[in-house]
Amino acid sequence: MKKLILTTAITTLFLVGCSQPVAQNQVFGDKSSTNMTISQVKSQYDDALVTFTGKIIKQLDGEDYLVADSTDSIQVEIDNHIWRGLNVTPNDTIRIHGKVDKETFSTQVDAFSVEKVN
């Protein structure tokens, strides 16, 4: 009986000690604060958070736009609510924060926010 109580106590202490959270560095905010080129965005992995600047070349279909910089162009999905009344012309440079969406034969970005760059 004493061995059972001792084994139970040791096991309980071991499990409590193992269940304590390990200290980890906390990261607040978007880790993608570094501005990338569109070529760099295209080389990122699926679901990577990215920030890049460019100009809208044309509207492709509905909420899909072709955005280009001096290195390349990429399709960006910008939902209507993301615009928040922002008026953008092809002459305006915009900064896009979003997530890479890699498919088998294409890469596009789903925008989280869009802002004009002066």
PDB file of N, CA and C in Angstrom:
ATOM      1  N   MET A   1       0.828  -1.189   0.000  1.00  0.00           N
ATOM      2  CA  MET A   1       0.000   0.000   0.000  1.00  0.00           C
ATOM      3  C   MET A   1       0.875   1.256   0.000  1.00  0.00           C
ATOM      4  N   LYS A   2       1.975   1.215   0.795  1.00  0.00           N
ATOM      5  CA  LYS A   2       2.862   2.376   0.854  1.00  0.00           C
ATOM      6  C   LYS A   2       3.519   2.629  -0.498  1.00  0.00           C
ATOM      7  N   LYS A   3       3.852   1.546  -1.222  1.00  0.00           N
ATOM      8  CA  LYS A   3       4.462   1.698  -2.543  1.00  0.00           C
ATOM      9  C   LYS A   3       3.474   2.349  -3.514  1.00  0.00           C
ATOM     10  N   LEU A   4       2.199   1.986  -3.437  1.00  0.00           N
ATOM     11  CA  LEU A   4       1.178   2.563  -4.300  1.00  0.00           C
ATOM     12  C   LEU A   4       1.009   4.055  -4.026  1.00  0.00           C
ATOM     13  N   ILE A   5       0.985   4.440  -2.757  1.00  0.00           N
ATOM     14  CA  ILE A   5       0.838   5.855  -2.399  1.00  0.00           C
ATOM     15  C   ILE A   5       2.075   6.632  -2.850  1.00  0.00           C
ATOM     16  N   LEU A   6       3.265   6.066  -2.630  1.00  0.00           N
ATOM     17  CA  LEU A   6       4.496   6.725  -3.032  1.00  0.00           C
ATOM     18  C   LEU A   6       4.569   6.862  -4.556  1.00  0.00           C
ATOM     19  N   THR A   7       4.198   5.823  -5.289  1.00  0.00           N
ATOM     20  CA  THR A   7       4.207   5.865  -6.743  1.00  0.00           C
ATOM     21  C   THR A   7       3.200   6.896  -7.260  1.00  0.00           C
ATOM     22  N   THR A   8       2.028   6.939  -6.670  1.00  0.00           N
ATOM     23  CA  THR A   8       1.009   7.917  -7.054  1.00  0.00           C
ATOM     24  C   THR A   8       1.498   9.337  -6.788  1.00  0.00           C
ATOM     25  N   ALA A   9       2.140   9.561  -5.652  1.00  0.00           N
ATOM     26  CA  ALA A   9       2.638  10.900  -5.318  1.00  0.00           C
ATOM     27  C   ALA A   9       3.734  11.335  -6.288  1.00  0.00           C
ATOM     28  N   ILE A  10       4.666  10.455  -6.591  1.00  0.00           N
ATOM     29  CA  ILE A  10       5.758  10.779  -7.515  1.00  0.00           C
ATOM     30  C   ILE A  10       5.207  11.040  -8.915  1.00  0.00           C
ATOM     31  N   THR A  11       4.278  10.218  -9.357  1.00  0.00           N
ATOM     32  CA  THR A  11       3.665  10.389 -10.671  1.00  0.00           C
ATOM     33  C   THR A  11       2.922  11.720 -10.751  1.00  0.00           C
ATOM     34  N   THR A  12       2.195  12.048  -9.710  1.00  0.00           N
ATOM     35  CA  THR A  12       1.459  13.316  -9.676  1.00  0.00           C
ATOM     36  C   THR A  12       2.409  14.504  -9.742  1.00  0.00           C
ATOM     37  N   LEU A  13       3.490  14.470  -8.963  1.00  0.00           N
ATOM     38  CA  LEU A  13       4.465  15.558  -8.994  1.00  0.00           C
ATOM     39  C   LEU A  13       5.130  15.678 -10.362  1.00  0.00           C
ATOM     40  N   PHE A  14       5.438  14.550 -10.964  1.00  0.00           N
ATOM     41  CA  PHE A  14       6.045  14.551 -12.290  1.00  0.00           C
ATOM     42  C   PHE A  14       5.110  15.172 -13.320  1.00  0.00           C
ATOM     43  N   LEU A  15       3.843  14.770 -13.322  1.00  0.00           N
ATOM     44  CA  LEU A  15       2.880  15.294 -14.276  1.00  0.00           C
ATOM     45  C   LEU A  15       2.629  16.781 -14.068  1.00  0.00           C
ATOM     46  N   VAL A  16       2.570  17.224 -12.825  1.00  0.00           N
ATOM     47  CA  VAL A  16       2.387  18.655 -12.546  1.00  0.00           C
ATOM     48  C   VAL A  16       3.597  19.438 -13.045  1.00  0.00           C
ATOM     49  N   GLY A  17       4.792  18.921 -12.823  1.00  0.00           N
ATOM     50  CA  GLY A  17       6.005  19.589 -13.286  1.00  0.00           C
ATOM     51  C   GLY A  17       6.089  19.664 -14.787  1.00  0.00           C
ATOM     52  N   CYS A  18       5.624  18.622 -15.476  1.00  0.00           N
ATOM     53  CA  CYS A  18       5.667  18.605 -16.946  1.00  0.00           C
ATOM     54  C   CYS A  18       4.589  19.471 -17.569  1.00  0.00           C
ATOM     55  N   SER A  19       3.534  19.763 -16.843  1.00  0.00           N
ATOM     56  CA  SER A  19       2.431  20.511 -17.433  1.00  0.00           C
ATOM     57  C   SER A  19       2.603  22.019 -17.317  1.00  0.00           C
ATOM     58  N   GLN A  20       3.664  22.485 -16.668  1.00  0.00           N
ATOM     59  CA  GLN A  20       3.897  23.920 -16.563  1.00  0.00           C
ATOM     60  C   GLN A  20       4.312  24.474 -17.914  1.00  0.00           C
ATOM     61  N   PRO A  21       3.774  25.623 -18.308  1.00  0.00           N
ATOM     62  CA  PRO A  21       4.130  26.172 -19.613  1.00  0.00           C
ATOM     63  C   PRO A  21       5.594  26.597 -19.662  1.00  0.00           C
ATOM     64  N   VAL A  22       6.190  26.396 -20.807  1.00  0.00           N
ATOM     65  CA  VAL A  22       7.575  26.789 -21.024  1.00  0.00           C
ATOM     66  C   VAL A  22       7.584  28.265 -21.423  1.00  0.00           C
ATOM     67  N   ALA A  23       8.508  29.028 -20.871  1.00  0.00           N
ATOM     68  CA  ALA A  23       8.599  30.444 -21.220  1.00  0.00           C
ATOM     69  C   ALA A  23       8.960  30.592 -22.688  1.00  0.00           C
ATOM     70  N   GLN A  24       8.198  31.433 -23.399  1.00  0.00           N
ATOM     71  CA  GLN A  24       8.450  31.669 -24.815  1.00  0.00           C
ATOM     72  C   GLN A  24       8.425  33.164 -25.072  1.00  0.00           C
ATOM     73  N   ASN A  25       9.200  33.581 -26.055  1.00  0.00           N
ATOM     74  CA  ASN A  25       9.145  34.981 -26.457  1.00  0.00           C
ATOM     75  C   ASN A  25       7.788  35.260 -27.070  1.00  0.00           C
ATOM     76  N   GLN A  26       7.206  36.393 -26.704  1.00  0.00           N
ATOM     77  CA  GLN A  26       5.920  36.771 -27.262  1.00  0.00           C
ATOM     78  C   GLN A  26       6.134  37.767 -28.380  1.00  0.00           C
ATOM     79  N   VAL A  27       5.366  37.599 -29.441  1.00  0.00           N
ATOM     80  CA  VAL A  27       5.443  38.494 -30.577  1.00  0.00           C
ATOM     81  C   VAL A  27       4.082  39.151 -30.726  1.00  0.00           C
ATOM     82  N   PHE A  28       4.070  40.461 -30.708  1.00  0.00           N
ATOM     83  CA  PHE A  28       2.823  41.189 -30.862  1.00  0.00           C
ATOM     84  C   PHE A  28       2.813  41.877 -32.211  1.00  0.00           C
ATOM     85  N   GLY A  29       1.656  41.897 -32.841  1.00  0.00           N
ATOM     86  CA  GLY A  29       1.526  42.599 -34.109  1.00  0.00           C
ATOM     87  C   GLY A  29       1.947  41.728 -35.270  1.00  0.00           C
ATOM     88  N   ASP A  30       2.028  42.364 -36.399  1.00  0.00           N
ATOM     89  CA  ASP A  30       2.317  41.679 -37.654  1.00  0.00           C
ATOM     90  C   ASP A  30       3.817  41.527 -37.833  1.00  0.00           C
ATOM     91  N   LYS A  31       4.282  40.301 -38.029  1.00  0.00           N
ATOM     92  CA  LYS A  31       5.706  40.065 -38.244  1.00  0.00           C
ATOM     93  C   LYS A  31       6.132  40.447 -39.661  1.00  0.00           C
ATOM     94  N   SER A  32       5.188  40.809 -40.496  1.00  0.00           N
ATOM     95  CA  SER A  32       5.515  41.109 -41.881  1.00  0.00           C
ATOM     96  C   SER A  32       5.695  42.609 -42.108  1.00  0.00           C
ATOM     97  N   SER A  33       6.221  43.321 -41.128  1.00  0.00           N
ATOM     98  CA  SER A  33       6.336  44.764 -41.246  1.00  0.00           C
ATOM     99  C   SER A  33       7.398  45.177 -42.266  1.00  0.00           C
ATOM    100  N   THR A  34       8.256  44.260 -42.681  1.00  0.00           N
ATOM    101  CA  THR A  34       9.267  44.565 -43.684  1.00  0.00           C
ATOM    102  C   THR A  34       8.616  44.595 -45.058  1.00  0.00           C
ATOM    103  N   ASN A  35       8.843  45.686 -45.781  1.00  0.00           N
ATOM    104  CA  ASN A  35       8.264  45.827 -47.112  1.00  0.00           C
ATOM    105  C   ASN A  35       9.034  44.956 -48.104  1.00  0.00           C
ATOM    106  N   MET A  36       8.318  44.113 -48.830  1.00  0.00           N
ATOM    107  CA  MET A  36       8.916  43.205 -49.807  1.00  0.00           C
ATOM    108  C   MET A  36       8.628  43.682 -51.217  1.00  0.00           C
ATOM    109  N   THR A  37       9.382  43.166 -52.167  1.00  0.00           N
ATOM    110  CA  THR A  37       9.036  43.344 -53.566  1.00  0.00           C
ATOM    111  C   THR A  37       8.054  42.238 -53.942  1.00  0.00           C
ATOM    112  N   ILE A  38       7.378  42.406 -55.054  1.00  0.00           N
ATOM    113  CA  ILE A  38       6.437  41.374 -55.484  1.00  0.00           C
ATOM    114  C   ILE A  38       7.169  40.086 -55.840  1.00  0.00           C
ATOM    115  N   SER A  39       8.373  40.174 -56.369  1.00  0.00           N
ATOM    116  CA  SER A  39       9.172  38.963 -56.622  1.00  0.00           C
ATOM    117  C   SER A  39       9.434  38.201 -55.329  1.00  0.00           C
ATOM    118  N   GLN A  40       9.735  38.928 -54.261  1.00  0.00           N
ATOM    119  CA  GLN A  40       9.957  38.277 -52.963  1.00  0.00           C
ATOM    120  C   GLN A  40       8.666  37.672 -52.428  1.00  0.00           C
ATOM    121  N   VAL A  41       7.550  38.369 -52.628  1.00  0.00           N
ATOM    122  CA  VAL A  41       6.251  37.849 -52.178  1.00  0.00           C
ATOM    123  C   VAL A  41       5.958  36.521 -52.858  1.00  0.00           C
ATOM    124  N   LYS A  42       6.225  36.435 -54.160  1.00  0.00           N
ATOM    125  CA  LYS A  42       5.947  35.201 -54.903  1.00  0.00           C
ATOM    126  C   LYS A  42       6.799  34.025 -54.439  1.00  0.00           C
ATOM    127  N   SER A  43       7.937  34.294 -53.820  1.00  0.00           N
ATOM    128  CA  SER A  43       8.800  33.208 -53.356  1.00  0.00           C
ATOM    129  C   SER A  43       8.476  32.768 -51.926  1.00  0.00           C
ATOM    130  N   GLN A  44       7.523  33.416 -51.280  1.00  0.00           N
ATOM    131  CA  GLN A  44       7.143  33.051 -49.917  1.00  0.00           C
ATOM    132  C   GLN A  44       6.310  31.770 -49.911  1.00  0.00           C
ATOM    133  N   TYR A  45       6.209  31.150 -48.759  1.00  0.00           N
ATOM    134  CA  TYR A  45       5.430  29.923 -48.603  1.00  0.00           C
ATOM    135  C   TYR A  45       3.940  30.245 -48.469  1.00  0.00           C
ATOM    136  N   ASP A  46       3.105  29.247 -48.637  1.00  0.00           N
ATOM    137  CA  ASP A  46       1.658  29.400 -48.529  1.00  0.00           C
ATOM    138  C   ASP A  46       1.296  29.889 -47.126  1.00  0.00           C
ATOM    139  N   ASP A  47       0.387  30.813 -47.044  1.00  0.00           N
ATOM    140  CA  ASP A  47      -0.111  31.411 -45.799  1.00  0.00           C
ATOM    141  C   ASP A  47       0.894  32.342 -45.118  1.00  0.00           C
ATOM    142  N   ALA A  48       1.996  32.691 -45.778  1.00  0.00           N
ATOM    143  CA  ALA A  48       2.956  33.637 -45.203  1.00  0.00           C
ATOM    144  C   ALA A  48       2.326  35.033 -45.170  1.00  0.00           C
ATOM    145  N   LEU A  49       2.585  35.771 -44.092  1.00  0.00           N
ATOM    146  CA  LEU A  49       2.126  37.147 -43.998  1.00  0.00           C
ATOM    147  C   LEU A  49       3.121  38.043 -44.719  1.00  0.00           C
ATOM    148  N   VAL A  50       2.609  38.927 -45.573  1.00  0.00           N
ATOM    149  CA  VAL A  50       3.481  39.770 -46.389  1.00  0.00           C
ATOM    150  C   VAL A  50       2.987  41.209 -46.390  1.00  0.00           C
ATOM    151  N   THR A  51       3.921  42.110 -46.648  1.00  0.00           N
ATOM    152  CA  THR A  51       3.627  43.525 -46.858  1.00  0.00           C
ATOM    153  C   THR A  51       4.425  43.968 -48.073  1.00  0.00           C
ATOM    154  N   PHE A  52       3.749  44.606 -49.024  1.00  0.00           N
ATOM    155  CA  PHE A  52       4.437  45.069 -50.225  1.00  0.00           C
ATOM    156  C   PHE A  52       3.721  46.289 -50.782  1.00  0.00           C
ATOM    157  N   THR A  53       4.427  47.030 -51.646  1.00  0.00           N
ATOM    158  CA  THR A  53       3.828  48.197 -52.291  1.00  0.00           C
ATOM    159  C   THR A  53       3.799  47.975 -53.802  1.00  0.00           C
ATOM    160  N   GLY A  54       2.876  48.655 -54.439  1.00  0.00           N
ATOM    161  CA  GLY A  54       2.756  48.572 -55.878  1.00  0.00           C
ATOM    162  C   GLY A  54       1.616  49.441 -56.363  1.00  0.00           C
ATOM    163  N   LYS A  55       1.320  49.346 -57.637  1.00  0.00           N
ATOM    164  CA  LYS A  55       0.234  50.086 -58.248  1.00  0.00           C
ATOM    165  C   LYS A  55      -0.742  49.106 -58.878  1.00  0.00           C
ATOM    166  N   ILE A  56      -2.026  49.422 -58.783  1.00  0.00           N
ATOM    167  CA  ILE A  56      -3.036  48.583 -59.416  1.00  0.00           C
ATOM    168  C   ILE A  56      -2.978  48.827 -60.923  1.00  0.00           C
ATOM    169  N   ILE A  57      -2.714  47.776 -61.665  1.00  0.00           N
ATOM    170  CA  ILE A  57      -2.649  47.852 -63.122  1.00  0.00           C
ATOM    171  C   ILE A  57      -4.045  47.755 -63.716  1.00  0.00           C
ATOM    172  N   LYS A  58      -4.824  46.779 -63.196  1.00  0.00           N
ATOM    173  CA  LYS A  58      -6.201  46.641 -63.675  1.00  0.00           C
ATOM    174  C   LYS A  58      -7.003  45.764 -62.722  1.00  0.00           C
ATOM    175  N   GLN A  59      -8.322  45.908 -62.806  1.00  0.00           N
ATOM    176  CA  GLN A  59      -9.232  45.042 -62.074  1.00  0.00           C
ATOM    177  C   GLN A  59      -9.500  43.831 -62.947  1.00  0.00           C
ATOM    178  N   LEU A  60      -9.264  42.645 -62.390  1.00  0.00           N
ATOM    179  CA  LEU A  60      -9.397  41.415 -63.176  1.00  0.00           C
ATOM    180  C   LEU A  60     -10.837  40.917 -63.191  1.00  0.00           C
ATOM    181  N   ASP A  61     -11.383  40.683 -62.005  1.00  0.00           N
ATOM    182  CA  ASP A  61     -12.733  40.129 -61.923  1.00  0.00           C
ATOM    183  C   ASP A  61     -13.253  40.354 -60.510  1.00  0.00           C
ATOM    184  N   GLY A  62     -14.315  41.091 -60.374  1.00  0.00           N
ATOM    185  CA  GLY A  62     -14.904  41.316 -59.059  1.00  0.00           C
ATOM    186  C   GLY A  62     -13.940  41.968 -58.093  1.00  0.00           C
ATOM    187  N   GLU A  63     -13.437  41.186 -57.134  1.00  0.00           N
ATOM    188  CA  GLU A  63     -12.549  41.700 -56.102  1.00  0.00           C
ATOM    189  C   GLU A  63     -11.078  41.363 -56.362  1.00  0.00           C
ATOM    190  N   ASP A  64     -10.757  40.886 -57.558  1.00  0.00           N
ATOM    191  CA  ASP A  64      -9.382  40.529 -57.911  1.00  0.00           C
ATOM    192  C   ASP A  64      -8.745  41.634 -58.750  1.00  0.00           C
ATOM    193  N   TYR A  65      -7.509  42.004 -58.372  1.00  0.00           N
ATOM    194  CA  TYR A  65      -6.784  43.076 -59.036  1.00  0.00           C
ATOM    195  C   TYR A  65      -5.383  42.596 -59.391  1.00  0.00           C
ATOM    196  N   LEU A  66      -4.824  43.170 -60.440  1.00  0.00           N
ATOM    197  CA  LEU A  66      -3.436  42.921 -60.807  1.00  0.00           C
ATOM    198  C   LEU A  66      -2.624  44.096 -60.279  1.00  0.00           C
ATOM    199  N   VAL A  67      -1.673  43.793 -59.389  1.00  0.00           N
ATOM    200  CA  VAL A  67      -0.833  44.815 -58.771  1.00  0.00           C
ATOM    201  C   VAL A  67       0.607  44.576 -59.220  1.00  0.00           C
ATOM    202  N   ALA A  68       1.308  45.651 -59.564  1.00  0.00           N
ATOM    203  CA  ALA A  68       2.675  45.521 -60.068  1.00  0.00           C
ATOM    204  C   ALA A  68       3.605  46.509 -59.378  1.00  0.00           C
ATOM    205  N   ASP A  69       4.872  46.108 -59.290  1.00  0.00           N
ATOM    206  CA  ASP A  69       5.949  47.020 -58.898  1.00  0.00           C
ATOM    207  C   ASP A  69       7.041  46.883 -59.954  1.00  0.00           C
ATOM    208  N   SER A  70       8.229  47.365 -59.681  1.00  0.00           N
ATOM    209  CA  SER A  70       9.293  47.323 -60.696  1.00  0.00           C
ATOM    210  C   SER A  70       9.849  45.920 -60.920  1.00  0.00           C
ATOM    211  N   THR A  71       9.502  44.949 -60.054  1.00  0.00           N
ATOM    212  CA  THR A  71      10.067  43.604 -60.167  1.00  0.00           C
ATOM    213  C   THR A  71       9.139  42.590 -60.813  1.00  0.00           C
ATOM    214  N   ASP A  72       7.814  42.750 -60.626  1.00  0.00           N
ATOM    215  CA  ASP A  72       6.874  41.736 -61.109  1.00  0.00           C
ATOM    216  C   ASP A  72       5.454  42.224 -60.876  1.00  0.00           C
ATOM    217  N   SER A  73       4.480  41.354 -61.155  1.00  0.00           N
ATOM    218  CA  SER A  73       3.082  41.647 -60.857  1.00  0.00           C
ATOM    219  C   SER A  73       2.459  40.421 -60.192  1.00  0.00           C
ATOM    220  N   ILE A  74       1.353  40.649 -59.477  1.00  0.00           N
ATOM    221  CA  ILE A  74       0.692  39.569 -58.753  1.00  0.00           C
ATOM    222  C   ILE A  74      -0.792  39.873 -58.642  1.00  0.00           C
ATOM    223  N   GLN A  75      -1.588  38.818 -58.619  1.00  0.00           N
ATOM    224  CA  GLN A  75      -3.024  38.965 -58.431  1.00  0.00           C
ATOM    225  C   GLN A  75      -3.303  39.105 -56.937  1.00  0.00           C
ATOM    226  N   VAL A  76      -4.130  40.104 -56.589  1.00  0.00           N
ATOM    227  CA  VAL A  76      -4.464  40.371 -55.194  1.00  0.00           C
ATOM    228  C   VAL A  76      -5.978  40.406 -55.057  1.00  0.00           C
ATOM    229  N   GLU A  77      -6.496  39.655 -54.087  1.00  0.00           N
ATOM    230  CA  GLU A  77      -7.926  39.694 -53.797  1.00  0.00           C
ATOM    231  C   GLU A  77      -8.141  40.721 -52.686  1.00  0.00           C
ATOM    232  N   ILE A  78      -8.875  41.779 -53.022  1.00  0.00           N
ATOM    233  CA  ILE A  78      -9.159  42.836 -52.056  1.00  0.00           C
ATOM    234  C   ILE A  78     -10.675  42.896 -51.886  1.00  0.00           C
ATOM    235  N   ASP A  79     -11.173  42.345 -50.785  1.00  0.00           N
ATOM    236  CA  ASP A  79     -12.605  42.361 -50.522  1.00  0.00           C
ATOM    237  C   ASP A  79     -13.101  43.799 -50.415  1.00  0.00           C
ATOM    238  N   ASN A  80     -14.367  44.020 -50.752  1.00  0.00           N
ATOM    239  CA  ASN A  80     -14.928  45.372 -50.762  1.00  0.00           C
ATOM    240  C   ASN A  80     -14.790  46.082 -49.418  1.00  0.00           C
ATOM    241  N   HIS A  81     -14.946  45.378 -48.315  1.00  0.00           N
ATOM    242  CA  HIS A  81     -14.866  46.035 -47.001  1.00  0.00           C
ATOM    243  C   HIS A  81     -13.439  46.473 -46.648  1.00  0.00           C
ATOM    244  N   ILE A  82     -12.433  45.931 -47.321  1.00  0.00           N
ATOM    245  CA  ILE A  82     -11.030  46.303 -47.064  1.00  0.00           C
ATOM    246  C   ILE A  82     -10.759  47.734 -47.546  1.00  0.00           C
ATOM    247  N   TRP A  83     -11.448  48.163 -48.578  1.00  0.00           N
ATOM    248  CA  TRP A  83     -11.192  49.491 -49.151  1.00  0.00           C
ATOM    249  C   TRP A  83     -11.526  50.617 -48.176  1.00  0.00           C
ATOM    250  N   ARG A  84     -12.574  50.463 -47.377  1.00  0.00           N
ATOM    251  CA  ARG A  84     -12.993  51.472 -46.388  1.00  0.00           C
ATOM    252  C   ARG A  84     -13.088  52.874 -46.993  1.00  0.00           C
ATOM    253  N   GLY A  85     -13.642  52.956 -48.196  1.00  0.00           N
ATOM    254  CA  GLY A  85     -13.851  54.245 -48.840  1.00  0.00           C
ATOM    255  C   GLY A  85     -12.617  54.859 -49.479  1.00  0.00           C
ATOM    256  N   LEU A  86     -11.518  54.129 -49.521  1.00  0.00           N
ATOM    257  CA  LEU A  86     -10.277  54.637 -50.110  1.00  0.00           C
ATOM    258  C   LEU A  86     -10.439  54.757 -51.621  1.00  0.00           C
ATOM    259  N   ASN A  87     -10.090  55.915 -52.165  1.00  0.00           N
ATOM    260  CA  ASN A  87     -10.175  56.153 -53.600  1.00  0.00           C
ATOM    261  C   ASN A  87      -8.779  56.017 -54.192  1.00  0.00           C
ATOM    262  N   VAL A  88      -8.583  55.013 -55.050  1.00  0.00           N
ATOM    263  CA  VAL A  88      -7.263  54.719 -55.608  1.00  0.00           C
ATOM    264  C   VAL A  88      -7.336  54.771 -57.126  1.00  0.00           C
ATOM    265  N   THR A  89      -6.362  55.434 -57.741  1.00  0.00           N
ATOM    266  CA  THR A  89      -6.244  55.478 -59.200  1.00  0.00           C
ATOM    267  C   THR A  89      -5.001  54.684 -59.611  1.00  0.00           C
ATOM    268  N   PRO A  90      -4.829  54.394 -60.891  1.00  0.00           N
ATOM    269  CA  PRO A  90      -3.624  53.676 -61.330  1.00  0.00           C
ATOM    270  C   PRO A  90      -2.327  54.443 -61.059  1.00  0.00           C
ATOM    271  N   ASN A  91      -2.413  55.742 -60.797  1.00  0.00           N
ATOM    272  CA  ASN A  91      -1.219  56.538 -60.486  1.00  0.00           C
ATOM    273  C   ASN A  91      -0.817  56.447 -59.019  1.00  0.00           C
ATOM    274  N   ASP A  92      -1.700  55.916 -58.164  1.00  0.00           N
ATOM    275  CA  ASP A  92      -1.435  55.855 -56.728  1.00  0.00           C
ATOM    276  C   ASP A  92      -0.647  54.600 -56.368  1.00  0.00           C
ATOM    277  N   THR A  93       0.351  54.778 -55.523  1.00  0.00           N
ATOM    278  CA  THR A  93       1.075  53.636 -54.965  1.00  0.00           C
ATOM    279  C   THR A  93       0.369  53.243 -53.676  1.00  0.00           C
ATOM    280  N   ILE A  94       0.145  51.938 -53.521  1.00  0.00           N
ATOM    281  CA  ILE A  94      -0.545  51.446 -52.322  1.00  0.00           C
ATOM    282  C   ILE A  94       0.327  50.418 -51.605  1.00  0.00           C
ATOM    283  N   ARG A  95       0.119  50.320 -50.305  1.00  0.00           N
ATOM    284  CA  ARG A  95       0.779  49.294 -49.482  1.00  0.00           C
ATOM    285  C   ARG A  95      -0.288  48.273 -49.124  1.00  0.00           C
ATOM    286  N   ILE A  96       0.030  47.013 -49.351  1.00  0.00           N
ATOM    287  CA  ILE A  96      -0.903  45.922 -49.092  1.00  0.00           C
ATOM    288  C   ILE A  96      -0.319  45.012 -48.019  1.00  0.00           C
ATOM    289  N   HIS A  97      -1.124  44.728 -47.008  1.00  0.00           N
ATOM    290  CA  HIS A  97      -0.790  43.722 -45.995  1.00  0.00           C
ATOM    291  C   HIS A  97      -1.713  42.541 -46.270  1.00  0.00           C
ATOM    292  N   GLY A  98      -1.145  41.339 -46.352  1.00  0.00           N
ATOM    293  CA  GLY A  98      -1.990  40.200 -46.648  1.00  0.00           C
ATOM    294  C   GLY A  98      -1.311  38.871 -46.432  1.00  0.00           C
ATOM    295  N   LYS A  99      -1.941  37.845 -46.965  1.00  0.00           N
ATOM    296  CA  LYS A  99      -1.483  36.469 -46.796  1.00  0.00           C
ATOM    297  C   LYS A  99      -1.314  35.834 -48.166  1.00  0.00           C
ATOM    298  N   VAL A 100      -0.204  35.137 -48.350  1.00  0.00           N
ATOM    299  CA  VAL A 100       0.077  34.457 -49.620  1.00  0.00           C
ATOM    300  C   VAL A 100      -0.842  33.253 -49.765  1.00  0.00           C
ATOM    301  N   ASP A 101      -1.396  33.099 -50.964  1.00  0.00           N
ATOM    302  CA  ASP A 101      -2.249  31.960 -51.284  1.00  0.00           C
ATOM    303  C   ASP A 101      -1.630  31.253 -52.483  1.00  0.00           C
ATOM    304  N   LYS A 102      -0.851  30.194 -52.205  1.00  0.00           N
ATOM    305  CA  LYS A 102      -0.177  29.444 -53.270  1.00  0.00           C
ATOM    306  C   LYS A 102      -1.080  28.325 -53.762  1.00  0.00           C
ATOM    307  N   GLU A 103      -1.209  28.271 -55.068  1.00  0.00           N
ATOM    308  CA  GLU A 103      -1.912  27.179 -55.729  1.00  0.00           C
ATOM    309  C   GLU A 103      -0.882  26.431 -56.567  1.00  0.00           C
ATOM    310  N   THR A 104      -1.302  25.403 -57.258  1.00  0.00           N
ATOM    311  CA  THR A 104      -0.376  24.593 -58.035  1.00  0.00           C
ATOM    312  C   THR A 104       0.367  25.404 -59.090  1.00  0.00           C
ATOM    313  N   PHE A 105      -0.357  26.234 -59.828  1.00  0.00           N
ATOM    314  CA  PHE A 105       0.273  26.967 -60.922  1.00  0.00           C
ATOM    315  C   PHE A 105       0.241  28.483 -60.746  1.00  0.00           C
ATOM    316  N   SER A 106      -0.170  28.967 -59.588  1.00  0.00           N
ATOM    317  CA  SER A 106      -0.242  30.416 -59.404  1.00  0.00           C
ATOM    318  C   SER A 106      -0.047  30.798 -57.940  1.00  0.00           C
ATOM    319  N   THR A 107       0.306  32.043 -57.754  1.00  0.00           N
ATOM    320  CA  THR A 107       0.433  32.616 -56.414  1.00  0.00           C
ATOM    321  C   THR A 107      -0.336  33.924 -56.405  1.00  0.00           C
ATOM    322  N   GLN A 108      -1.168  34.105 -55.398  1.00  0.00           N
ATOM    323  CA  GLN A 108      -1.865  35.370 -55.243  1.00  0.00           C
ATOM    324  C   GLN A 108      -1.839  35.768 -53.782  1.00  0.00           C
ATOM    325  N   VAL A 109      -2.345  36.946 -53.475  1.00  0.00           N
ATOM    326  CA  VAL A 109      -2.362  37.449 -52.106  1.00  0.00           C
ATOM    327  C   VAL A 109      -3.797  37.796 -51.739  1.00  0.00           C
ATOM    328  N   ASP A 110      -4.210  37.393 -50.549  1.00  0.00           N
ATOM    329  CA  ASP A 110      -5.489  37.808 -49.984  1.00  0.00           C
ATOM    330  C   ASP A 110      -5.193  38.991 -49.071  1.00  0.00           C
ATOM    331  N   ALA A 111      -5.702  40.172 -49.420  1.00  0.00           N
ATOM    332  CA  ALA A 111      -5.378  41.393 -48.688  1.00  0.00           C
ATOM    333  C   ALA A 111      -6.145  41.483 -47.367  1.00  0.00           C
ATOM    334  N   PHE A 112      -5.430  41.924 -46.318  1.00  0.00           N
ATOM    335  CA  PHE A 112      -6.042  42.225 -45.021  1.00  0.00           C
ATOM    336  C   PHE A 112      -6.286  43.721 -44.900  1.00  0.00           C
ATOM    337  N   SER A 113      -5.383  44.524 -45.489  1.00  0.00           N
ATOM    338  CA  SER A 113      -5.543  45.974 -45.455  1.00  0.00           C
ATOM    339  C   SER A 113      -4.832  46.602 -46.645  1.00  0.00           C
ATOM    340  N   VAL A 114      -5.330  47.775 -47.032  1.00  0.00           N
ATOM    341  CA  VAL A 114      -4.766  48.539 -48.149  1.00  0.00           C
ATOM    342  C   VAL A 114      -4.682  49.994 -47.701  1.00  0.00           C
ATOM    343  N   GLU A 115      -3.542  50.633 -47.999  1.00  0.00           N
ATOM    344  CA  GLU A 115      -3.393  52.053 -47.679  1.00  0.00           C
ATOM    345  C   GLU A 115      -2.591  52.741 -48.776  1.00  0.00           C
ATOM    346  N   LYS A 116      -2.856  54.021 -48.969  1.00  0.00           N
ATOM    347  CA  LYS A 116      -2.105  54.807 -49.936  1.00  0.00           C
ATOM    348  C   LYS A 116      -0.750  55.160 -49.353  1.00  0.00           C
ATOM    349  N   VAL A 117       0.252  55.184 -50.231  1.00  0.00           N
ATOM    350  CA  VAL A 117       1.607  55.585 -49.838  1.00  0.00           C
ATOM    351  C   VAL A 117       1.894  56.909 -50.528  1.00  0.00           C
ATOM    352  N   ASN A 118       2.333  57.877 -49.774  1.00  0.00           N
ATOM    353  CA  ASN A 118       2.644  59.196 -50.383  1.00  0.00           C
ATOM    354  C   ASN A 118       4.074  59.291 -50.803  1.00  0.00           C
TER     355      ASN A 118
END
